[in-house]
Amino acid sequence: MATRQSISLSEPNAEWLKSQVESQEYASHSEVINDLIRQRRKQDEEALTRTRLLLIQAENRLASEGYSTLSVEDIKKAVLAKKG
């Protein structure tokens, strides 16, 4: 069931929204807004999936290699050496 909302848009955003409907890319303002929200939700889900994967990889690396014995300063030097 759709929920009716009232929103305020800046003039440039309102013009862009209007142009999307006028170009017949979308049938209505609501369709544009819903599509933008769907796209953002998908991006957020993908970012969360990437973050979870990186955490799992880090946990697996820790399990196999253990913790580093290097100091923070040693790690900084190693990173800077790789960049240089």
PDB file of N, CA and C in Angstrom:
ATOM      1  N   MET A   1       0.839  -1.177   0.000  1.00  0.00           N
ATOM      2  CA  MET A   1       0.000   0.000   0.000  1.00  0.00           C
ATOM      3  C   MET A   1       0.889   1.247   0.000  1.00  0.00           C
ATOM      4  N   ALA A   2       0.611   2.169  -0.861  1.00  0.00           N
ATOM      5  CA  ALA A   2       1.390   3.391  -0.971  1.00  0.00           C
ATOM      6  C   ALA A   2       1.029   4.358   0.147  1.00  0.00           C
ATOM      7  N   THR A   3       2.047   5.053   0.629  1.00  0.00           N
ATOM      8  CA  THR A   3       1.847   6.073   1.652  1.00  0.00           C
ATOM      9  C   THR A   3       2.049   7.429   1.011  1.00  0.00           C
ATOM     10  N   ARG A   4       1.118   8.296   1.204  1.00  0.00           N
ATOM     11  CA  ARG A   4       1.199   9.638   0.640  1.00  0.00           C
ATOM     12  C   ARG A   4       2.082  10.501   1.529  1.00  0.00           C
ATOM     13  N   GLN A   5       3.034  11.210   0.911  1.00  0.00           N
ATOM     14  CA  GLN A   5       3.960  12.077   1.624  1.00  0.00           C
ATOM     15  C   GLN A   5       3.951  13.461   0.986  1.00  0.00           C
ATOM     16  N   SER A   6       4.279  14.429   1.784  1.00  0.00           N
ATOM     17  CA  SER A   6       4.439  15.782   1.273  1.00  0.00           C
ATOM     18  C   SER A   6       5.894  16.174   1.499  1.00  0.00           C
ATOM     19  N   ILE A   7       6.575  16.582   0.419  1.00  0.00           N
ATOM     20  CA  ILE A   7       7.977  16.970   0.552  1.00  0.00           C
ATOM     21  C   ILE A   7       8.199  18.334  -0.087  1.00  0.00           C
ATOM     22  N   SER A   8       9.242  18.999   0.362  1.00  0.00           N
ATOM     23  CA  SER A   8       9.643  20.276  -0.221  1.00  0.00           C
ATOM     24  C   SER A   8      10.949  20.062  -0.972  1.00  0.00           C
ATOM     25  N   LEU A   9      11.042  20.646  -2.160  1.00  0.00           N
ATOM     26  CA  LEU A   9      12.234  20.506  -2.981  1.00  0.00           C
ATOM     27  C   LEU A   9      12.820  21.878  -3.271  1.00  0.00           C
ATOM     28  N   SER A  10      14.135  21.917  -3.424  1.00  0.00           N
ATOM     29  CA  SER A  10      14.758  23.158  -3.873  1.00  0.00           C
ATOM     30  C   SER A  10      14.333  23.389  -5.317  1.00  0.00           C
ATOM     31  N   GLU A  11      14.451  24.597  -5.774  1.00  0.00           N
ATOM     32  CA  GLU A  11      14.026  24.928  -7.136  1.00  0.00           C
ATOM     33  C   GLU A  11      14.773  24.093  -8.186  1.00  0.00           C
ATOM     34  N   PRO A  12      16.112  23.955  -8.086  1.00  0.00           N
ATOM     35  CA  PRO A  12      16.799  23.124  -9.088  1.00  0.00           C
ATOM     36  C   PRO A  12      16.325  21.666  -9.070  1.00  0.00           C
ATOM     37  N   ASN A  13      16.080  21.131  -7.883  1.00  0.00           N
ATOM     38  CA  ASN A  13      15.611  19.746  -7.802  1.00  0.00           C
ATOM     39  C   ASN A  13      14.192  19.609  -8.345  1.00  0.00           C
ATOM     40  N   ALA A  14      13.366  20.583  -8.079  1.00  0.00           N
ATOM     41  CA  ALA A  14      11.996  20.558  -8.594  1.00  0.00           C
ATOM     42  C   ALA A  14      12.002  20.629 -10.122  1.00  0.00           C
ATOM     43  N   GLU A  15      12.881  21.451 -10.677  1.00  0.00           N
ATOM     44  CA  GLU A  15      12.984  21.560 -12.135  1.00  0.00           C
ATOM     45  C   GLU A  15      13.482  20.260 -12.743  1.00  0.00           C
ATOM     46  N   TRP A  16      14.479  19.638 -12.090  1.00  0.00           N
ATOM     47  CA  TRP A  16      15.000  18.370 -12.597  1.00  0.00           C
ATOM     48  C   TRP A  16      13.920  17.299 -12.552  1.00  0.00           C
ATOM     49  N   LEU A  17      13.195  17.244 -11.457  1.00  0.00           N
ATOM     50  CA  LEU A  17      12.117  16.279 -11.301  1.00  0.00           C
ATOM     51  C   LEU A  17      11.072  16.470 -12.400  1.00  0.00           C
ATOM     52  N   LYS A  18      10.705  17.705 -12.629  1.00  0.00           N
ATOM     53  CA  LYS A  18       9.732  18.032 -13.671  1.00  0.00           C
ATOM     54  C   LYS A  18      10.238  17.607 -15.047  1.00  0.00           C
ATOM     55  N   SER A  19      11.539  17.826 -15.300  1.00  0.00           N
ATOM     56  CA  SER A  19      12.097  17.474 -16.610  1.00  0.00           C
ATOM     57  C   SER A  19      12.089  15.964 -16.846  1.00  0.00           C
ATOM     58  N   GLN A  20      12.240  15.186 -15.774  1.00  0.00           N
ATOM     59  CA  GLN A  20      12.206  13.726 -15.913  1.00  0.00           C
ATOM     60  C   GLN A  20      10.831  13.249 -16.378  1.00  0.00           C
ATOM     61  N   VAL A  21       9.801  13.877 -15.862  1.00  0.00           N
ATOM     62  CA  VAL A  21       8.436  13.506 -16.249  1.00  0.00           C
ATOM     63  C   VAL A  21       8.136  14.031 -17.651  1.00  0.00           C
ATOM     64  N   GLU A  22       8.547  15.275 -17.914  1.00  0.00           N
ATOM     65  CA  GLU A  22       8.291  15.861 -19.236  1.00  0.00           C
ATOM     66  C   GLU A  22       9.013  15.115 -20.345  1.00  0.00           C
ATOM     67  N   SER A  23      10.168  14.551 -20.054  1.00  0.00           N
ATOM     68  CA  SER A  23      10.912  13.808 -21.076  1.00  0.00           C
ATOM     69  C   SER A  23      10.332  12.412 -21.288  1.00  0.00           C
ATOM     70  N   GLN A  24       9.313  12.099 -20.510  1.00  0.00           N
ATOM     71  CA  GLN A  24       8.624  10.808 -20.560  1.00  0.00           C
ATOM     72  C   GLN A  24       9.530   9.652 -20.121  1.00  0.00           C
ATOM     73  N   GLU A  25      10.595  10.014 -19.411  1.00  0.00           N
ATOM     74  CA  GLU A  25      11.452   8.993 -18.791  1.00  0.00           C
ATOM     75  C   GLU A  25      10.655   8.282 -17.703  1.00  0.00           C
ATOM     76  N   TYR A  26       9.818   9.048 -17.021  1.00  0.00           N
ATOM     77  CA  TYR A  26       8.946   8.535 -15.956  1.00  0.00           C
ATOM     78  C   TYR A  26       7.538   9.068 -16.185  1.00  0.00           C
ATOM     79  N   ALA A  27       6.577   8.356 -15.636  1.00  0.00           N
ATOM     80  CA  ALA A  27       5.182   8.748 -15.815  1.00  0.00           C
ATOM     81  C   ALA A  27       4.724   9.791 -14.803  1.00  0.00           C
ATOM     82  N   SER A  28       5.405   9.839 -13.643  1.00  0.00           N
ATOM     83  CA  SER A  28       4.975  10.779 -12.608  1.00  0.00           C
ATOM     84  C   SER A  28       6.144  11.136 -11.700  1.00  0.00           C
ATOM     85  N   HIS A  29       5.948  12.192 -10.918  1.00  0.00           N
ATOM     86  CA  HIS A  29       6.954  12.589  -9.933  1.00  0.00           C
ATOM     87  C   HIS A  29       7.181  11.467  -8.933  1.00  0.00           C
ATOM     88  N   SER A  30       6.123  10.810  -8.527  1.00  0.00           N
ATOM     89  CA  SER A  30       6.236   9.713  -7.562  1.00  0.00           C
ATOM     90  C   SER A  30       7.102   8.585  -8.097  1.00  0.00           C
ATOM     91  N   GLU A  31       6.956   8.303  -9.376  1.00  0.00           N
ATOM     92  CA  GLU A  31       7.754   7.232  -9.980  1.00  0.00           C
ATOM     93  C   GLU A  31       9.241   7.575  -9.945  1.00  0.00           C
ATOM     94  N   VAL A  32       9.568   8.840 -10.208  1.00  0.00           N
ATOM     95  CA  VAL A  32      10.970   9.288 -10.155  1.00  0.00           C
ATOM     96  C   VAL A  32      11.514   9.125  -8.743  1.00  0.00           C
ATOM     97  N   ILE A  33      10.778   9.634  -7.768  1.00  0.00           N
ATOM     98  CA  ILE A  33      11.223   9.581  -6.373  1.00  0.00           C
ATOM     99  C   ILE A  33      11.384   8.128  -5.921  1.00  0.00           C
ATOM    100  N   ASN A  34      10.416   7.279  -6.227  1.00  0.00           N
ATOM    101  CA  ASN A  34      10.513   5.874  -5.843  1.00  0.00           C
ATOM    102  C   ASN A  34      11.718   5.199  -6.495  1.00  0.00           C
ATOM    103  N   ASP A  35      12.003   5.521  -7.755  1.00  0.00           N
ATOM    104  CA  ASP A  35      13.157   4.938  -8.426  1.00  0.00           C
ATOM    105  C   ASP A  35      14.458   5.400  -7.773  1.00  0.00           C
ATOM    106  N   LEU A  36      14.547   6.682  -7.436  1.00  0.00           N
ATOM    107  CA  LEU A  36      15.741   7.195  -6.758  1.00  0.00           C
ATOM    108  C   LEU A  36      15.950   6.503  -5.414  1.00  0.00           C
ATOM    109  N   ILE A  37      14.881   6.306  -4.678  1.00  0.00           N
ATOM    110  CA  ILE A  37      14.976   5.628  -3.383  1.00  0.00           C
ATOM    111  C   ILE A  37      15.400   4.183  -3.578  1.00  0.00           C
ATOM    112  N   ARG A  38      14.842   3.499  -4.574  1.00  0.00           N
ATOM    113  CA  ARG A  38      15.247   2.109  -4.851  1.00  0.00           C
ATOM    114  C   ARG A  38      16.736   2.029  -5.178  1.00  0.00           C
ATOM    115  N   GLN A  39      17.206   2.950  -6.021  1.00  0.00           N
ATOM    116  CA  GLN A  39      18.625   2.965  -6.388  1.00  0.00           C
ATOM    117  C   GLN A  39      19.502   3.176  -5.153  1.00  0.00           C
ATOM    118  N   ARG A  40      19.117   4.113  -4.300  1.00  0.00           N
ATOM    119  CA  ARG A  40      19.906   4.393  -3.093  1.00  0.00           C
ATOM    120  C   ARG A  40      19.893   3.210  -2.136  1.00  0.00           C
ATOM    121  N   ARG A  41      18.739   2.572  -1.987  1.00  0.00           N
ATOM    122  CA  ARG A  41      18.656   1.406  -1.115  1.00  0.00           C
ATOM    123  C   ARG A  41      19.560   0.292  -1.636  1.00  0.00           C
ATOM    124  N   LYS A  42      19.589   0.107  -2.962  1.00  0.00           N
ATOM    125  CA  LYS A  42      20.452  -0.909  -3.560  1.00  0.00           C
ATOM    126  C   LYS A  42      21.920  -0.576  -3.300  1.00  0.00           C
ATOM    127  N   GLN A  43      22.298   0.701  -3.461  1.00  0.00           N
ATOM    128  CA  GLN A  43      23.675   1.125  -3.189  1.00  0.00           C
ATOM    129  C   GLN A  43      24.039   0.865  -1.723  1.00  0.00           C
ATOM    130  N   ASP A  44      23.126   1.193  -0.829  1.00  0.00           N
ATOM    131  CA  ASP A  44      23.372   0.970   0.600  1.00  0.00           C
ATOM    132  C   ASP A  44      23.553  -0.521   0.901  1.00  0.00           C
ATOM    133  N   GLU A  45      22.716  -1.363   0.295  1.00  0.00           N
ATOM    134  CA  GLU A  45      22.823  -2.812   0.495  1.00  0.00           C
ATOM    135  C   GLU A  45      24.150  -3.337  -0.050  1.00  0.00           C
ATOM    136  N   GLU A  46      24.554  -2.834  -1.218  1.00  0.00           N
ATOM    137  CA  GLU A  46      25.826  -3.263  -1.806  1.00  0.00           C
ATOM    138  C   GLU A  46      27.000  -2.832  -0.940  1.00  0.00           C
ATOM    139  N   ALA A  47      26.946  -1.616  -0.404  1.00  0.00           N
ATOM    140  CA  ALA A  47      28.008  -1.136   0.476  1.00  0.00           C
ATOM    141  C   ALA A  47      28.079  -1.978   1.743  1.00  0.00           C
ATOM    142  N   LEU A  48      26.938  -2.327   2.291  1.00  0.00           N
ATOM    143  CA  LEU A  48      26.901  -3.158   3.485  1.00  0.00           C
ATOM    144  C   LEU A  48      27.468  -4.549   3.186  1.00  0.00           C
ATOM    145  N   THR A  49      27.128  -5.098   2.036  1.00  0.00           N
ATOM    146  CA  THR A  49      27.654  -6.409   1.639  1.00  0.00           C
ATOM    147  C   THR A  49      29.170  -6.356   1.491  1.00  0.00           C
ATOM    148  N   ARG A  50      29.691  -5.282   0.853  1.00  0.00           N
ATOM    149  CA  ARG A  50      31.145  -5.132   0.708  1.00  0.00           C
ATOM    150  C   ARG A  50      31.820  -5.023   2.068  1.00  0.00           C
ATOM    151  N   THR A  51      31.228  -4.252   2.972  1.00  0.00           N
ATOM    152  CA  THR A  51      31.795  -4.087   4.311  1.00  0.00           C
ATOM    153  C   THR A  51      31.817  -5.412   5.061  1.00  0.00           C
ATOM    154  N   ARG A  52      30.721  -6.156   4.966  1.00  0.00           N
ATOM    155  CA  ARG A  52      30.672  -7.469   5.625  1.00  0.00           C
ATOM    156  C   ARG A  52      31.747  -8.391   5.065  1.00  0.00           C
ATOM    157  N   LEU A  53      31.926  -8.392   3.742  1.00  0.00           N
ATOM    158  CA  LEU A  53      32.939  -9.229   3.112  1.00  0.00           C
ATOM    159  C   LEU A  53      34.333  -8.848   3.602  1.00  0.00           C
ATOM    160  N   LEU A  54      34.616  -7.547   3.672  1.00  0.00           N
ATOM    161  CA  LEU A  54      35.921  -7.100   4.156  1.00  0.00           C
ATOM    162  C   LEU A  54      36.149  -7.514   5.605  1.00  0.00           C
ATOM    163  N   LEU A  55      35.109  -7.430   6.424  1.00  0.00           N
ATOM    164  CA  LEU A  55      35.234  -7.865   7.823  1.00  0.00           C
ATOM    165  C   LEU A  55      35.500  -9.363   7.924  1.00  0.00           C
ATOM    166  N   ILE A  56      34.810 -10.140   7.107  1.00  0.00           N
ATOM    167  CA  ILE A  56      35.031 -11.591   7.102  1.00  0.00           C
ATOM    168  C   ILE A  56      36.456 -11.901   6.656  1.00  0.00           C
ATOM    169  N   GLN A  57      36.928 -11.210   5.616  1.00  0.00           N
ATOM    170  CA  GLN A  57      38.298 -11.424   5.147  1.00  0.00           C
ATOM    171  C   GLN A  57      39.306 -11.067   6.240  1.00  0.00           C
ATOM    172  N   ALA A  58      39.068  -9.963   6.929  1.00  0.00           N
ATOM    173  CA  ALA A  58      39.969  -9.548   8.011  1.00  0.00           C
ATOM    174  C   ALA A  58      39.960 -10.573   9.141  1.00  0.00           C
ATOM    175  N   GLU A  59      38.785 -11.065   9.496  1.00  0.00           N
ATOM    176  CA  GLU A  59      38.699 -12.082  10.545  1.00  0.00           C
ATOM    177  C   GLU A  59      39.420 -13.358  10.129  1.00  0.00           C
ATOM    178  N   ASN A  60      39.265 -13.768   8.880  1.00  0.00           N
ATOM    179  CA  ASN A  60      39.945 -14.963   8.386  1.00  0.00           C
ATOM    180  C   ASN A  60      41.454 -14.781   8.383  1.00  0.00           C
ATOM    181  N   ARG A  61      41.900 -13.600   7.983  1.00  0.00           N
ATOM    182  CA  ARG A  61      43.329 -13.309   7.981  1.00  0.00           C
ATOM    183  C   ARG A  61      43.886 -13.349   9.406  1.00  0.00           C
ATOM    184  N   LEU A  62      43.130 -12.758  10.339  1.00  0.00           N
ATOM    185  CA  LEU A  62      43.562 -12.802  11.741  1.00  0.00           C
ATOM    186  C   LEU A  62      43.635 -14.234  12.255  1.00  0.00           C
ATOM    187  N   ALA A  63      42.662 -15.038  11.876  1.00  0.00           N
ATOM    188  CA  ALA A  63      42.633 -16.428  12.335  1.00  0.00           C
ATOM    189  C   ALA A  63      43.828 -17.201  11.793  1.00  0.00           C
ATOM    190  N   SER A  64      44.237 -16.909  10.562  1.00  0.00           N
ATOM    191  CA  SER A  64      45.337 -17.658   9.963  1.00  0.00           C
ATOM    192  C   SER A  64      46.712 -17.061  10.267  1.00  0.00           C
ATOM    193  N   GLU A  65      46.787 -15.733  10.391  1.00  0.00           N
ATOM    194  CA  GLU A  65      48.080 -15.074  10.568  1.00  0.00           C
ATOM    195  C   GLU A  65      48.301 -14.536  11.975  1.00  0.00           C
ATOM    196  N   GLY A  66      47.247 -14.349  12.714  1.00  0.00           N
ATOM    197  CA  GLY A  66      47.376 -13.776  14.054  1.00  0.00           C
ATOM    198  C   GLY A  66      47.529 -12.272  14.004  1.00  0.00           C
ATOM    199  N   TYR A  67      47.750 -11.697  15.151  1.00  0.00           N
ATOM    200  CA  TYR A  67      47.909 -10.254  15.266  1.00  0.00           C
ATOM    201  C   TYR A  67      49.324  -9.838  14.903  1.00  0.00           C
ATOM    202  N   SER A  68      49.456  -8.637  14.413  1.00  0.00           N
ATOM    203  CA  SER A  68      50.762  -8.101  14.069  1.00  0.00           C
ATOM    204  C   SER A  68      51.521  -7.733  15.342  1.00  0.00           C
ATOM    205  N   THR A  69      52.824  -7.917  15.295  1.00  0.00           N
ATOM    206  CA  THR A  69      53.666  -7.496  16.416  1.00  0.00           C
ATOM    207  C   THR A  69      54.304  -6.143  16.131  1.00  0.00           C
ATOM    208  N   LEU A  70      53.977  -5.582  14.953  1.00  0.00           N
ATOM    209  CA  LEU A  70      54.530  -4.282  14.588  1.00  0.00           C
ATOM    210  C   LEU A  70      53.864  -3.166  15.390  1.00  0.00           C
ATOM    211  N   SER A  71      54.631  -2.130  15.656  1.00  0.00           N
ATOM    212  CA  SER A  71      54.060  -0.960  16.322  1.00  0.00           C
ATOM    213  C   SER A  71      53.293  -0.134  15.294  1.00  0.00           C
ATOM    214  N   VAL A  72      52.502   0.785  15.769  1.00  0.00           N
ATOM    215  CA  VAL A  72      51.758   1.677  14.872  1.00  0.00           C
ATOM    216  C   VAL A  72      52.741   2.439  13.994  1.00  0.00           C
ATOM    217  N   GLU A  73      53.837   2.885  14.592  1.00  0.00           N
ATOM    218  CA  GLU A  73      54.844   3.639  13.840  1.00  0.00           C
ATOM    219  C   GLU A  73      55.468   2.774  12.746  1.00  0.00           C
ATOM    220  N   ASP A  74      55.748   1.505  13.046  1.00  0.00           N
ATOM    221  CA  ASP A  74      56.304   0.593  12.045  1.00  0.00           C
ATOM    222  C   ASP A  74      55.322   0.382  10.894  1.00  0.00           C
ATOM    223  N   ILE A  75      54.058   0.257  11.217  1.00  0.00           N
ATOM    224  CA  ILE A  75      53.032   0.067  10.187  1.00  0.00           C
ATOM    225  C   ILE A  75      52.957   1.299   9.296  1.00  0.00           C
ATOM    226  N   LYS A  76      52.993   2.494   9.905  1.00  0.00           N
ATOM    227  CA  LYS A  76      52.974   3.738   9.122  1.00  0.00           C
ATOM    228  C   LYS A  76      54.158   3.779   8.162  1.00  0.00           C
ATOM    229  N   LYS A  77      55.341   3.444   8.662  1.00  0.00           N
ATOM    230  CA  LYS A  77      56.538   3.459   7.822  1.00  0.00           C
ATOM    231  C   LYS A  77      56.404   2.480   6.670  1.00  0.00           C
ATOM    232  N   ALA A  78      55.874   1.301   6.933  1.00  0.00           N
ATOM    233  CA  ALA A  78      55.712   0.297   5.883  1.00  0.00           C
ATOM    234  C   ALA A  78      54.741   0.773   4.808  1.00  0.00           C
ATOM    235  N   VAL A  79      53.646   1.381   5.225  1.00  0.00           N
ATOM    236  CA  VAL A  79      52.662   1.900   4.265  1.00  0.00           C
ATOM    237  C   VAL A  79      53.281   3.006   3.418  1.00  0.00           C
ATOM    238  N   LEU A  80      53.985   3.928   4.067  1.00  0.00           N
ATOM    239  CA  LEU A  80      54.616   5.034   3.338  1.00  0.00           C
ATOM    240  C   LEU A  80      55.687   4.526   2.389  1.00  0.00           C
ATOM    241  N   ALA A  81      56.406   3.491   2.771  1.00  0.00           N
ATOM    242  CA  ALA A  81      57.429   2.913   1.896  1.00  0.00           C
ATOM    243  C   ALA A  81      56.799   2.300   0.641  1.00  0.00           C
ATOM    244  N   LYS A  82      55.632   1.683   0.798  1.00  0.00           N
ATOM    245  CA  LYS A  82      54.946   1.092  -0.357  1.00  0.00           C
ATOM    246  C   LYS A  82      54.469   2.172  -1.328  1.00  0.00           C
ATOM    247  N   LYS A  83      54.049   3.334  -0.772  1.00  0.00           N
ATOM    248  CA  LYS A  83      53.566   4.435  -1.620  1.00  0.00           C
ATOM    249  C   LYS A  83      54.704   5.084  -2.393  1.00  0.00           C
ATOM    250  N   GLY A  84      55.867   5.141  -1.781  1.00  0.00           N
ATOM    251  CA  GLY A  84      57.005   5.845  -2.352  1.00  0.00           C
ATOM    252  C   GLY A  84      57.706   5.078  -3.373  1.00  0.00           C
TER     253      GLY A  84
END
